[in-house]
Amino acid sequence: SPGSSWSKNATSTRVPGRVVAIDHLDRARPRLTVDVQATARPVLRYAPARIRVTMRGALKDPLAAGDTVEVLVRLRPPPGPVQPGSYDFSFESYFDGIGASGYVLSPPVRLAGGSWTWGAWIENARNTIAERIRDQIGGAEGEIAAALIVGVRAGIPTDASEALRRTGLYHVISISGLHMALVAGTVIGAIRALFALFPVFSARHPVRKYSAAAGIVAITAYLVISGGEVAAQRSYLMLGVMLGAMLFDRAALTMRNLAISAAIVLAVS
C-alpha cells in the first residue's frame, strides 16, 4: 500500500540548513525548502542537497528565507505519479534540485549565521506582499490574488484549485503572457497618456520609445517579484524582444520574437 511504501523508504534525521523558501499551504501549514548543510543522529551516507518539508502546525517562531535552522525531519525520496500516466512529482523535484521531501517532527530552531542573499531578499519580499494581500482580501480570493500578483500559489484551498482545474482555468493562475501583457500595457498606456498632456514635448521627442523602455523596466520588476517560472520567462522575453524592437524601429510582431525567446529559455535552463 502507499502508506507502507512510504514508511519503508522514509528515514528520520536532524538537519541543520539554510531556509531557501517558505510556502504557506492551506490550513496555515508552512512548507520549508531547506539547503542541507549536514545530517545528524543518524548521519545519512547520501544526504540530499535540498529538501522540502511540511509542518503540521503554524510556526511558533517566525522564519524568513536566509535563516539558518536546525530541524528534525522525516524524509523520503520525492514521490512519483499517483497512478500510471499521471503527473510525476519526482520529475519536477529533480529539476528543482530537491532530493527528498517529508514532514517536520519538531519545531525548527533558529541558529546563528543566517545568509542574506539576493534570492532570499526577493523571496521575503514576495512573502511580505502575499501576506499583505491575504490580510486585505482574505479567504480563497486573497490566496488567488496573491498567486496572480506574486506567483505564491501554495495557499490556494484544495477545492478552489480543483474547481479551476476542472473548468480549465488553472492556467490563469500561472503568471505568463496575460499577466505580463497587462503590466506592460498598463505602464505604457499610463505613460503615453501622461505625455499626451504635454503636446509640445511629445511632438519633439520619441515618447513611444520612452514608453517602451518604461515597459521593459516594469516587466523586469514583475518577472523578479513573481518568482521567474518558465512561463513567465518566456512571456517576459517575448515582450522584451517586442519592446526592444520598438526602441530600434524594427518590426515588433514577428515569429522571430518567439524563436529568440525559446532559444534563450533553453540556454538558461
C-alpha atoms as a PDB file:
ATOM      1  CA  SER A   1       0.000   0.000   0.000  1.00  0.00           C
ATOM      2  CA  PRO A   2       1.151   3.624  -0.406  1.00  0.00           C
ATOM      3  CA  GLY A   3       1.404   4.047   3.386  1.00  0.00           C
ATOM      4  CA  SER A   4       3.653   1.024   3.926  1.00  0.00           C
ATOM      5  CA  SER A   5       5.791   2.010   0.923  1.00  0.00           C
ATOM      6  CA  TRP A   6       6.221   5.497   2.396  1.00  0.00           C
ATOM      7  CA  SER A   7       7.356   4.080   5.761  1.00  0.00           C
ATOM      8  CA  LYS A   8       9.736   1.606   4.137  1.00  0.00           C
ATOM      9  CA  ASN A   9      11.564   4.295   2.161  1.00  0.00           C
ATOM     10  CA  ALA A  10      11.480   7.010   4.837  1.00  0.00           C
ATOM     11  CA  THR A  11      14.145   7.961   7.361  1.00  0.00           C
ATOM     12  CA  SER A  12      14.331  10.430  10.246  1.00  0.00           C
ATOM     13  CA  THR A  13      17.322  12.706  10.766  1.00  0.00           C
ATOM     14  CA  ARG A  14      18.276  16.044  12.259  1.00  0.00           C
ATOM     15  CA  VAL A  15      19.150  18.652   9.634  1.00  0.00           C
ATOM     16  CA  PRO A  16      20.912  21.987  10.053  1.00  0.00           C
ATOM     17  CA  GLY A  17      20.489  24.078   6.934  1.00  0.00           C
ATOM     18  CA  ARG A  18      19.559  27.379   5.311  1.00  0.00           C
ATOM     19  CA  VAL A  19      15.930  28.211   4.566  1.00  0.00           C
ATOM     20  CA  VAL A  20      15.508  28.878   0.835  1.00  0.00           C
ATOM     21  CA  ALA A  21      11.735  29.405   0.682  1.00  0.00           C
ATOM     22  CA  ILE A  22       8.658  29.288   2.899  1.00  0.00           C
ATOM     23  CA  ASP A  23       5.257  28.418   1.415  1.00  0.00           C
ATOM     24  CA  HIS A  24       2.071  28.709   3.460  1.00  0.00           C
ATOM     25  CA  LEU A  25      -0.280  25.906   2.486  1.00  0.00           C
ATOM     26  CA  ASP A  26      -3.995  25.835   3.208  1.00  0.00           C
ATOM     27  CA  ARG A  27      -4.913  25.332   6.874  1.00  0.00           C
ATOM     28  CA  ALA A  28      -1.897  27.508   7.811  1.00  0.00           C
ATOM     29  CA  ARG A  29       0.683  24.744   7.344  1.00  0.00           C
ATOM     30  CA  PRO A  30       4.136  26.140   6.452  1.00  0.00           C
ATOM     31  CA  ARG A  31       6.268  24.227   3.944  1.00  0.00           C
ATOM     32  CA  LEU A  32      10.005  24.841   4.149  1.00  0.00           C
ATOM     33  CA  THR A  33      12.572  24.390   1.395  1.00  0.00           C
ATOM     34  CA  VAL A  34      15.962  23.955   3.063  1.00  0.00           C
ATOM     35  CA  ASP A  35      19.507  23.671   1.714  1.00  0.00           C
ATOM     36  CA  VAL A  36      21.045  20.873   3.791  1.00  0.00           C
ATOM     37  CA  GLN A  37      24.384  21.631   5.446  1.00  0.00           C
ATOM     38  CA  ALA A  38      24.703  18.302   7.289  1.00  0.00           C
ATOM     39  CA  THR A  39      22.695  15.480   8.830  1.00  0.00           C
ATOM     40  CA  ALA A  40      22.956  14.093  12.356  1.00  0.00           C
ATOM     41  CA  ARG A  41      21.511  11.301  14.506  1.00  0.00           C
ATOM     42  CA  PRO A  42      21.807   9.488  12.166  1.00  0.00           C
ATOM     43  CA  VAL A  43      24.266  10.850   9.604  1.00  0.00           C
ATOM     44  CA  LEU A  44      22.966   9.979   6.145  1.00  0.00           C
ATOM     45  CA  ARG A  45      25.507   8.438   3.818  1.00  0.00           C
ATOM     46  CA  TYR A  46      23.850  10.012   0.784  1.00  0.00           C
ATOM     47  CA  ALA A  47      22.360  13.209   2.144  1.00  0.00           C
ATOM     48  CA  PRO A  48      20.192  15.279  -0.248  1.00  0.00           C
ATOM     49  CA  ALA A  49      21.441  18.752  -1.083  1.00  0.00           C
ATOM     50  CA  ARG A  50      17.978  20.304  -0.733  1.00  0.00           C
ATOM     51  CA  ILE A  51      14.785  19.116   0.981  1.00  0.00           C
ATOM     52  CA  ARG A  52      11.158  20.264   1.123  1.00  0.00           C
ATOM     53  CA  VAL A  53       9.299  19.525   4.362  1.00  0.00           C
ATOM     54  CA  THR A  54       5.827  20.401   5.632  1.00  0.00           C
ATOM     55  CA  MET A  55       4.935  21.352   9.188  1.00  0.00           C
ATOM     56  CA  ARG A  56       1.767  20.099  10.853  1.00  0.00           C
ATOM     57  CA  GLY A  57       1.018  23.410  12.556  1.00  0.00           C
ATOM     58  CA  ALA A  58       1.867  27.090  12.384  1.00  0.00           C
ATOM     59  CA  LEU A  59       5.366  28.383  13.086  1.00  0.00           C
ATOM     60  CA  LYS A  60       5.794  29.481  16.690  1.00  0.00           C
ATOM     61  CA  ASP A  61       8.954  31.434  15.869  1.00  0.00           C
ATOM     62  CA  PRO A  62       8.609  33.311  12.544  1.00  0.00           C
ATOM     63  CA  LEU A  63      11.232  32.365   9.966  1.00  0.00           C
ATOM     64  CA  ALA A  64      12.377  34.048   6.783  1.00  0.00           C
ATOM     65  CA  ALA A  65      14.333  32.938   3.733  1.00  0.00           C
ATOM     66  CA  GLY A  66      18.033  33.135   4.543  1.00  0.00           C
ATOM     67  CA  ASP A  67      17.685  31.981   8.165  1.00  0.00           C
ATOM     68  CA  THR A  68      19.790  29.045   9.336  1.00  0.00           C
ATOM     69  CA  VAL A  69      17.768  26.461  11.255  1.00  0.00           C
ATOM     70  CA  GLU A  70      18.048  23.003  12.749  1.00  0.00           C
ATOM     71  CA  VAL A  71      15.047  20.745  12.344  1.00  0.00           C
ATOM     72  CA  LEU A  72      14.157  17.111  12.980  1.00  0.00           C
ATOM     73  CA  VAL A  73      12.535  15.738   9.847  1.00  0.00           C
ATOM     74  CA  ARG A  74      11.097  12.549   8.389  1.00  0.00           C
ATOM     75  CA  LEU A  75      12.299  12.229   4.786  1.00  0.00           C
ATOM     76  CA  ARG A  76      11.650  10.045   1.783  1.00  0.00           C
ATOM     77  CA  PRO A  77      12.508  10.254  -1.934  1.00  0.00           C
ATOM     78  CA  PRO A  78      10.268  12.648  -3.896  1.00  0.00           C
ATOM     79  CA  PRO A  79       7.012  10.835  -4.793  1.00  0.00           C
ATOM     80  CA  GLY A  80       6.306   9.621  -8.309  1.00  0.00           C
ATOM     81  CA  PRO A  81       2.940   9.606 -10.093  1.00  0.00           C
ATOM     82  CA  VAL A  82      -0.058   8.540  -8.007  1.00  0.00           C
ATOM     83  CA  GLN A  83      -1.301   6.434 -10.920  1.00  0.00           C
ATOM     84  CA  PRO A  84       0.238   5.289 -14.219  1.00  0.00           C
ATOM     85  CA  GLY A  85       0.465   8.107 -16.724  1.00  0.00           C
ATOM     86  CA  SER A  86      -0.386  10.884 -14.264  1.00  0.00           C
ATOM     87  CA  TYR A  87       1.801  13.792 -13.213  1.00  0.00           C
ATOM     88  CA  ASP A  88       5.269  12.748 -11.976  1.00  0.00           C
ATOM     89  CA  PHE A  89       6.169  14.908  -8.968  1.00  0.00           C
ATOM     90  CA  SER A  90       9.697  13.477  -8.799  1.00  0.00           C
ATOM     91  CA  PHE A  91      10.402  14.876 -12.277  1.00  0.00           C
ATOM     92  CA  GLU A  92       9.808  18.454 -11.131  1.00  0.00           C
ATOM     93  CA  SER A  93      11.670  17.846  -7.855  1.00  0.00           C
ATOM     94  CA  TYR A  94      14.714  16.616  -9.775  1.00  0.00           C
ATOM     95  CA  PHE A  95      14.971  19.794 -11.828  1.00  0.00           C
ATOM     96  CA  ASP A  96      14.300  21.925  -8.737  1.00  0.00           C
ATOM     97  CA  GLY A  97      17.253  20.227  -7.062  1.00  0.00           C
ATOM     98  CA  ILE A  98      15.085  18.697  -4.303  1.00  0.00           C
ATOM     99  CA  GLY A  99      16.444  15.318  -3.229  1.00  0.00           C
ATOM    100  CA  ALA A 100      13.891  14.451  -0.547  1.00  0.00           C
ATOM    101  CA  SER A 101      10.541  15.553   0.839  1.00  0.00           C
ATOM    102  CA  GLY A 102       8.628  14.832   4.022  1.00  0.00           C
ATOM    103  CA  TYR A 103       7.407  16.486   7.187  1.00  0.00           C
ATOM    104  CA  VAL A 104       8.767  18.141  10.331  1.00  0.00           C
ATOM    105  CA  LEU A 105       8.811  16.152  13.584  1.00  0.00           C
ATOM    106  CA  SER A 106       9.744  19.027  15.921  1.00  0.00           C
ATOM    107  CA  PRO A 107       9.627  22.837  15.615  1.00  0.00           C
ATOM    108  CA  PRO A 108      12.613  24.376  13.771  1.00  0.00           C
ATOM    109  CA  VAL A 109      15.273  26.014  15.941  1.00  0.00           C
ATOM    110  CA  ARG A 110      16.853  29.159  14.522  1.00  0.00           C
ATOM    111  CA  LEU A 111      20.666  29.129  14.550  1.00  0.00           C
ATOM    112  CA  ALA A 112      23.145  31.974  14.279  1.00  0.00           C
ATOM    113  CA  GLY A 113      24.739  32.819  10.953  1.00  0.00           C
ATOM    114  CA  GLY A 114      21.908  33.412   8.521  1.00  0.00           C
ATOM    115  CA  SER A 115      22.837  34.054   4.883  1.00  0.00           C
ATOM    116  CA  TRP A 116      21.024  37.048   3.364  1.00  0.00           C
ATOM    117  CA  THR A 117      21.418  36.674  -0.364  1.00  0.00           C
ATOM    118  CA  TRP A 118      19.675  38.462  -3.220  1.00  0.00           C
ATOM    119  CA  GLY A 119      17.454  35.418  -3.720  1.00  0.00           C
ATOM    120  CA  ALA A 120      16.493  35.397  -0.027  1.00  0.00           C
ATOM    121  CA  TRP A 121      15.614  39.105  -0.168  1.00  0.00           C
ATOM    122  CA  ILE A 122      13.346  38.541  -3.188  1.00  0.00           C
ATOM    123  CA  GLU A 123      11.663  35.544  -1.544  1.00  0.00           C
ATOM    124  CA  ASN A 124      10.963  37.505   1.636  1.00  0.00           C
ATOM    125  CA  ALA A 125       9.622  40.456  -0.375  1.00  0.00           C
ATOM    126  CA  ARG A 126       7.251  38.105  -2.242  1.00  0.00           C
ATOM    127  CA  ASN A 127       6.009  36.598   1.011  1.00  0.00           C
ATOM    128  CA  THR A 128       5.510  40.053   2.544  1.00  0.00           C
ATOM    129  CA  ILE A 129       3.442  41.228  -0.431  1.00  0.00           C
ATOM    130  CA  ALA A 130       1.439  37.988  -0.444  1.00  0.00           C
ATOM    131  CA  GLU A 131       0.716  38.309   3.286  1.00  0.00           C
ATOM    132  CA  ARG A 132      -0.454  41.877   2.794  1.00  0.00           C
ATOM    133  CA  ILE A 133      -2.817  40.751   0.009  1.00  0.00           C
ATOM    134  CA  ARG A 134      -4.204  37.933   2.173  1.00  0.00           C
ATOM    135  CA  ASP A 135      -4.838  40.328   5.060  1.00  0.00           C
ATOM    136  CA  GLN A 136      -6.663  42.828   2.840  1.00  0.00           C
ATOM    137  CA  ILE A 137      -8.797  40.388   0.806  1.00  0.00           C
ATOM    138  CA  GLY A 138      -8.932  37.210   2.867  1.00  0.00           C
ATOM    139  CA  GLY A 139     -10.162  33.708   2.085  1.00  0.00           C
ATOM    140  CA  ALA A 140      -9.648  31.831  -1.168  1.00  0.00           C
ATOM    141  CA  GLU A 141      -9.971  35.099  -3.097  1.00  0.00           C
ATOM    142  CA  GLY A 142      -6.942  36.503  -1.243  1.00  0.00           C
ATOM    143  CA  GLU A 143      -4.883  33.406  -1.999  1.00  0.00           C
ATOM    144  CA  ILE A 144      -5.794  33.578  -5.691  1.00  0.00           C
ATOM    145  CA  ALA A 145      -4.959  37.302  -5.783  1.00  0.00           C
ATOM    146  CA  ALA A 146      -1.563  36.567  -4.203  1.00  0.00           C
ATOM    147  CA  ALA A 147      -0.952  33.920  -6.870  1.00  0.00           C
ATOM    148  CA  LEU A 148      -1.881  36.318  -9.675  1.00  0.00           C
ATOM    149  CA  ILE A 149       0.354  39.126  -8.397  1.00  0.00           C
ATOM    150  CA  VAL A 150       3.450  37.476  -6.902  1.00  0.00           C
ATOM    151  CA  GLY A 151       3.095  33.842  -8.006  1.00  0.00           C
ATOM    152  CA  VAL A 152       2.584  32.413  -4.482  1.00  0.00           C
ATOM    153  CA  ARG A 153       0.125  29.573  -5.162  1.00  0.00           C
ATOM    154  CA  ALA A 154       0.695  27.171  -2.262  1.00  0.00           C
ATOM    155  CA  GLY A 155      -2.085  28.601  -0.083  1.00  0.00           C
ATOM    156  CA  ILE A 156      -4.940  28.222  -2.578  1.00  0.00           C
ATOM    157  CA  PRO A 157      -7.505  25.852  -0.968  1.00  0.00           C
ATOM    158  CA  THR A 158      -7.722  22.388  -2.473  1.00  0.00           C
ATOM    159  CA  ASP A 159     -11.381  22.771  -3.508  1.00  0.00           C
ATOM    160  CA  ALA A 160     -10.655  26.056  -5.291  1.00  0.00           C
ATOM    161  CA  SER A 161      -7.662  24.522  -7.108  1.00  0.00           C
ATOM    162  CA  GLU A 162      -9.749  21.528  -8.155  1.00  0.00           C
ATOM    163  CA  ALA A 163     -12.557  23.778  -9.418  1.00  0.00           C
ATOM    164  CA  LEU A 164     -10.069  25.793 -11.505  1.00  0.00           C
ATOM    165  CA  ARG A 165      -8.552  22.621 -12.955  1.00  0.00           C
ATOM    166  CA  ARG A 166     -11.916  21.072 -13.865  1.00  0.00           C
ATOM    167  CA  THR A 167     -13.063  24.238 -15.605  1.00  0.00           C
ATOM    168  CA  GLY A 168      -9.770  24.560 -17.481  1.00  0.00           C
ATOM    169  CA  LEU A 169      -8.928  27.892 -15.853  1.00  0.00           C
ATOM    170  CA  TYR A 170      -5.957  26.931 -13.680  1.00  0.00           C
ATOM    171  CA  HIS A 171      -3.508  28.224 -16.291  1.00  0.00           C
ATOM    172  CA  VAL A 172      -4.717  31.750 -15.437  1.00  0.00           C
ATOM    173  CA  ILE A 173      -3.072  31.340 -12.021  1.00  0.00           C
ATOM    174  CA  SER A 174       0.319  30.707 -13.636  1.00  0.00           C
ATOM    175  CA  ILE A 175       1.985  34.039 -14.375  1.00  0.00           C
ATOM    176  CA  SER A 176       2.596  34.163 -18.110  1.00  0.00           C
ATOM    177  CA  GLY A 177       1.647  36.172 -21.189  1.00  0.00           C
ATOM    178  CA  LEU A 178      -1.673  37.536 -19.912  1.00  0.00           C
ATOM    179  CA  HIS A 179      -0.142  38.952 -16.744  1.00  0.00           C
ATOM    180  CA  MET A 180       2.960  40.357 -18.460  1.00  0.00           C
ATOM    181  CA  ALA A 181       0.846  41.984 -21.159  1.00  0.00           C
ATOM    182  CA  LEU A 182      -1.417  43.588 -18.550  1.00  0.00           C
ATOM    183  CA  VAL A 183       1.568  45.007 -16.653  1.00  0.00           C
ATOM    184  CA  ALA A 184       3.313  46.277 -19.790  1.00  0.00           C
ATOM    185  CA  GLY A 185       0.100  47.621 -21.310  1.00  0.00           C
ATOM    186  CA  THR A 186      -0.887  49.453 -18.135  1.00  0.00           C
ATOM    187  CA  VAL A 187       2.519  51.099 -17.718  1.00  0.00           C
ATOM    188  CA  ILE A 188       2.906  52.010 -21.393  1.00  0.00           C
ATOM    189  CA  GLY A 189      -0.669  53.311 -21.634  1.00  0.00           C
ATOM    190  CA  ALA A 190      -0.281  55.413 -18.487  1.00  0.00           C
ATOM    191  CA  ILE A 191       2.984  56.966 -19.674  1.00  0.00           C
ATOM    192  CA  ARG A 192       1.622  57.685 -23.150  1.00  0.00           C
ATOM    193  CA  ALA A 193      -1.416  59.322 -21.547  1.00  0.00           C
ATOM    194  CA  LEU A 194       0.899  61.398 -19.345  1.00  0.00           C
ATOM    195  CA  PHE A 195       2.954  62.535 -22.325  1.00  0.00           C
ATOM    196  CA  ALA A 196      -0.274  63.481 -24.136  1.00  0.00           C
ATOM    197  CA  LEU A 197      -0.696  66.253 -21.548  1.00  0.00           C
ATOM    198  CA  PHE A 198       2.472  67.876 -22.930  1.00  0.00           C
ATOM    199  CA  PRO A 199       1.929  68.037 -26.716  1.00  0.00           C
ATOM    200  CA  VAL A 200       4.918  70.261 -27.419  1.00  0.00           C
ATOM    201  CA  PHE A 201       7.332  67.893 -25.688  1.00  0.00           C
ATOM    202  CA  SER A 202       5.684  64.864 -27.283  1.00  0.00           C
ATOM    203  CA  ALA A 203       5.991  66.350 -30.766  1.00  0.00           C
ATOM    204  CA  ARG A 204       9.742  66.821 -30.363  1.00  0.00           C
ATOM    205  CA  HIS A 205      10.744  63.616 -28.571  1.00  0.00           C
ATOM    206  CA  PRO A 206      10.251  59.862 -29.230  1.00  0.00           C
ATOM    207  CA  VAL A 207       7.741  59.306 -26.433  1.00  0.00           C
ATOM    208  CA  ARG A 208       6.802  55.938 -27.932  1.00  0.00           C
ATOM    209  CA  LYS A 209      10.326  54.717 -27.248  1.00  0.00           C
ATOM    210  CA  TYR A 210      10.311  56.200 -23.752  1.00  0.00           C
ATOM    211  CA  SER A 211       7.127  54.294 -23.015  1.00  0.00           C
ATOM    212  CA  ALA A 212       8.592  51.064 -24.401  1.00  0.00           C
ATOM    213  CA  ALA A 213      11.678  51.465 -22.195  1.00  0.00           C
ATOM    214  CA  ALA A 214       9.456  52.004 -19.146  1.00  0.00           C
ATOM    215  CA  GLY A 215       7.507  48.886 -20.099  1.00  0.00           C
ATOM    216  CA  ILE A 216      10.724  46.839 -20.166  1.00  0.00           C
ATOM    217  CA  VAL A 217      11.619  48.090 -16.685  1.00  0.00           C
ATOM    218  CA  ALA A 218       8.114  47.251 -15.410  1.00  0.00           C
ATOM    219  CA  ILE A 219       8.023  43.687 -16.740  1.00  0.00           C
ATOM    220  CA  THR A 220      11.577  43.078 -15.476  1.00  0.00           C
ATOM    221  CA  ALA A 221      10.498  44.037 -11.959  1.00  0.00           C
ATOM    222  CA  TYR A 222       7.376  41.880 -12.327  1.00  0.00           C
ATOM    223  CA  LEU A 223       9.424  38.881 -13.502  1.00  0.00           C
ATOM    224  CA  VAL A 224      11.657  39.151 -10.433  1.00  0.00           C
ATOM    225  CA  ILE A 225       8.841  39.543  -7.907  1.00  0.00           C
ATOM    226  CA  SER A 226       6.726  36.775  -9.493  1.00  0.00           C
ATOM    227  CA  GLY A 227       9.321  34.053  -8.952  1.00  0.00           C
ATOM    228  CA  GLY A 228      10.549  33.781 -12.547  1.00  0.00           C
ATOM    229  CA  GLU A 229       8.971  30.485 -13.617  1.00  0.00           C
ATOM    230  CA  VAL A 230       9.490  29.228 -17.173  1.00  0.00           C
ATOM    231  CA  ALA A 231       6.123  30.529 -18.426  1.00  0.00           C
ATOM    232  CA  ALA A 232       6.940  33.964 -17.011  1.00  0.00           C
ATOM    233  CA  GLN A 233      10.438  33.855 -18.537  1.00  0.00           C
ATOM    234  CA  ARG A 234       9.047  33.042 -21.963  1.00  0.00           C
ATOM    235  CA  SER A 235       6.445  35.802 -21.782  1.00  0.00           C
ATOM    236  CA  TYR A 236       8.987  38.289 -20.464  1.00  0.00           C
ATOM    237  CA  LEU A 237      11.431  37.539 -23.271  1.00  0.00           C
ATOM    238  CA  MET A 238       8.774  37.777 -25.975  1.00  0.00           C
ATOM    239  CA  LEU A 239       7.556  41.122 -24.656  1.00  0.00           C
ATOM    240  CA  GLY A 240      11.126  42.287 -24.098  1.00  0.00           C
ATOM    241  CA  VAL A 241      12.082  41.491 -27.680  1.00  0.00           C
ATOM    242  CA  MET A 242       8.945  43.213 -28.959  1.00  0.00           C
ATOM    243  CA  LEU A 243       9.531  46.357 -26.902  1.00  0.00           C
ATOM    244  CA  GLY A 244      13.231  46.297 -27.782  1.00  0.00           C
ATOM    245  CA  ALA A 245      12.287  46.218 -31.456  1.00  0.00           C
ATOM    246  CA  MET A 246      10.197  49.344 -30.877  1.00  0.00           C
ATOM    247  CA  LEU A 247      13.273  51.056 -29.406  1.00  0.00           C
ATOM    248  CA  PHE A 248      15.283  50.280 -32.548  1.00  0.00           C
ATOM    249  CA  ASP A 249      12.499  50.983 -35.048  1.00  0.00           C
ATOM    250  CA  ARG A 250      12.158  47.349 -36.088  1.00  0.00           C
ATOM    251  CA  ALA A 251       9.048  45.237 -36.674  1.00  0.00           C
ATOM    252  CA  ALA A 252       7.686  44.348 -33.232  1.00  0.00           C
ATOM    253  CA  LEU A 253       5.282  41.489 -34.055  1.00  0.00           C
ATOM    254  CA  THR A 254       7.172  38.689 -35.831  1.00  0.00           C
ATOM    255  CA  MET A 255       7.809  34.972 -35.324  1.00  0.00           C
ATOM    256  CA  ARG A 256      11.446  35.863 -34.590  1.00  0.00           C
ATOM    257  CA  ASN A 257      10.305  37.016 -31.148  1.00  0.00           C
ATOM    258  CA  LEU A 258       9.123  33.512 -30.318  1.00  0.00           C
ATOM    259  CA  ALA A 259      12.268  31.894 -31.730  1.00  0.00           C
ATOM    260  CA  ILE A 260      14.596  34.218 -29.804  1.00  0.00           C
ATOM    261  CA  SER A 261      12.625  33.679 -26.590  1.00  0.00           C
ATOM    262  CA  ALA A 262      12.687  29.902 -26.988  1.00  0.00           C
ATOM    263  CA  ALA A 263      16.448  29.881 -27.620  1.00  0.00           C
ATOM    264  CA  ILE A 264      17.169  31.991 -24.522  1.00  0.00           C
ATOM    265  CA  VAL A 265      14.867  29.931 -22.249  1.00  0.00           C
ATOM    266  CA  LEU A 266      16.543  26.710 -23.423  1.00  0.00           C
ATOM    267  CA  ALA A 267      20.028  28.178 -22.897  1.00  0.00           C
ATOM    268  CA  VAL A 268      19.166  29.375 -19.375  1.00  0.00           C
ATOM    269  CA  SER A 269      17.529  26.054 -18.453  1.00  0.00           C
END
